[in-house]
C-alpha atoms as a PDB file:
ATOM      1  CA  MET A   1     117.354  47.748 134.346  1.00  0.00           C
ATOM      2  CA  LYS A   2     114.429  45.809 133.067  1.00  0.00           C
ATOM      3  CA  ARG A   3     116.787  43.472 131.373  1.00  0.00           C
ATOM      4  CA  ILE A   4     118.506  42.592 134.390  1.00  0.00           C
ATOM      5  CA  VAL A   5     115.271  42.003 136.382  1.00  0.00           C
ATOM      6  CA  TRP A   6     113.846  39.932 133.640  1.00  0.00           C
ATOM      7  CA  THR A   7     117.068  37.944 133.407  1.00  0.00           C
ATOM      8  CA  ALA A   8     117.214  37.286 137.235  1.00  0.00           C
ATOM      9  CA  LEU A   9     113.412  36.399 137.353  1.00  0.00           C
ATOM     10  CA  ALA A  10     113.964  33.900 134.252  1.00  0.00           C
ATOM     11  CA  ALA A  11     117.016  32.345 136.092  1.00  0.00           C
ATOM     12  CA  LEU A  12     115.085  31.879 139.454  1.00  0.00           C
ATOM     13  CA  VAL A  13     112.211  30.387 137.952  1.00  0.00           C
ATOM     14  CA  SER A  14     114.235  28.031 135.754  1.00  0.00           C
ATOM     15  CA  ALA A  15     116.399  26.841 138.791  1.00  0.00           C
ATOM     16  CA  GLY A  16     112.924  26.300 140.882  1.00  0.00           C
ATOM     17  CA  SER A  17     111.552  24.248 138.204  1.00  0.00           C
ATOM     18  CA  ALA A  18     114.634  22.148 137.789  1.00  0.00           C
ATOM     19  CA  ALA A  19     114.826  21.680 141.524  1.00  0.00           C
ATOM     20  CA  LEU A  20     110.983  20.681 141.524  1.00  0.00           C
ATOM     21  CA  ALA A  21     111.402  18.520 138.531  1.00  0.00           C
ATOM     22  CA  MET A  22     114.312  16.655 140.041  1.00  0.00           C
ATOM     23  CA  ARG A  23     112.353  15.974 143.549  1.00  0.00           C
ATOM     24  CA  ALA A  24     109.293  14.815 141.359  1.00  0.00           C
ATOM     25  CA  LEU A  25     111.412  12.375 139.169  1.00  0.00           C
ATOM     26  CA  ASN A  26     113.282  11.263 142.379  1.00  0.00           C
ATOM     27  CA  TYR A  27     109.785  10.591 144.097  1.00  0.00           C
ATOM     28  CA  LEU A  28     108.255   8.779 141.019  1.00  0.00           C
ATOM     29  CA  TRP A  29     111.426   6.698 140.515  1.00  0.00           C
ATOM     30  CA  ARG A  30     111.462   5.474 144.125  1.00  0.00           C
ATOM     31  CA  ARG A  31     107.802   4.846 143.966  1.00  0.00           C
ATOM     32  CA  ALA A  32     107.987   2.748 140.747  1.00  0.00           C
ATOM     33  CA  THR A  33     111.232   0.702 141.478  1.00  0.00           C
ATOM     34  CA  HIS A  34     111.341   0.784 145.226  1.00  0.00           C
ATOM     35  CA  GLU A  35     115.097   1.834 145.150  1.00  0.00           C
ATOM     36  CA  SER A  36     117.339   5.017 144.910  1.00  0.00           C
ATOM     37  CA  PRO A  37     117.662   6.649 141.598  1.00  0.00           C
ATOM     38  CA  PRO A  38     120.869   5.787 139.702  1.00  0.00           C
ATOM     39  CA  GLU A  39     123.919   8.150 140.353  1.00  0.00           C
ATOM     40  CA  GLN A  40     124.767  10.795 137.976  1.00  0.00           C
ATOM     41  CA  PRO A  41     127.562   9.498 135.551  1.00  0.00           C
ATOM     42  CA  ALA A  42     130.971  10.662 135.785  1.00  0.00           C
ATOM     43  CA  TRP A  43     130.761  12.322 132.302  1.00  0.00           C
ATOM     44  CA  ALA A  44     127.693  14.294 133.357  1.00  0.00           C
ATOM     45  CA  ARG A  45     129.313  15.525 136.614  1.00  0.00           C
ATOM     46  CA  LEU A  46     132.322  16.527 134.541  1.00  0.00           C
ATOM     47  CA  LEU A  47     130.374  18.446 131.923  1.00  0.00           C
ATOM     48  CA  LEU A  48     127.536  19.764 134.015  1.00  0.00           C
ATOM     49  CA  GLY A  49     128.822  19.858 137.549  1.00  0.00           C
ATOM     50  CA  SER A  50     126.149  20.254 140.226  1.00  0.00           C
ATOM     51  CA  PRO A  51     124.054  23.144 139.202  1.00  0.00           C
ATOM     52  CA  LEU A  52     121.112  22.442 141.585  1.00  0.00           C
ATOM     53  CA  LYS A  53     123.364  21.902 144.496  1.00  0.00           C
ATOM     54  CA  LYS A  54     125.344  25.120 144.181  1.00  0.00           C
ATOM     55  CA  GLY A  55     122.579  27.582 144.837  1.00  0.00           C
ATOM     56  CA  VAL A  56     122.493  31.164 144.651  1.00  0.00           C
ATOM     57  CA  GLU A  57     125.923  32.887 145.183  1.00  0.00           C
ATOM     58  CA  LYS A  58     125.092  36.579 144.794  1.00  0.00           C
ATOM     59  CA  VAL A  59     121.918  38.553 145.141  1.00  0.00           C
ATOM     60  CA  VAL A  60     121.385  41.727 143.161  1.00  0.00           C
ATOM     61  CA  GLU A  61     119.647  44.236 145.263  1.00  0.00           C
ATOM     62  CA  PRO A  62     117.220  46.552 143.407  1.00  0.00           C
ATOM     63  CA  SER A  63     118.601  50.204 143.416  1.00  0.00           C
ATOM     64  CA  ALA A  64     116.575  52.776 145.031  1.00  0.00           C
ATOM     65  CA  LEU A  65     114.628  55.211 142.677  1.00  0.00           C
END
């Protein structure tokens, strides 16, 4: 049970950190260049997809002890 909780916690923190990093990079890019950031290349969309836009699909509820 501890492994599942640890894995879920690590996944949530990683996704949250990635989302915050993307927002910060977007802000810094716009501030420095006064234009929108470049689009994601087609090969990156093909290989990586859109992990930040997908969101959380399933929630694991803790079991009652």
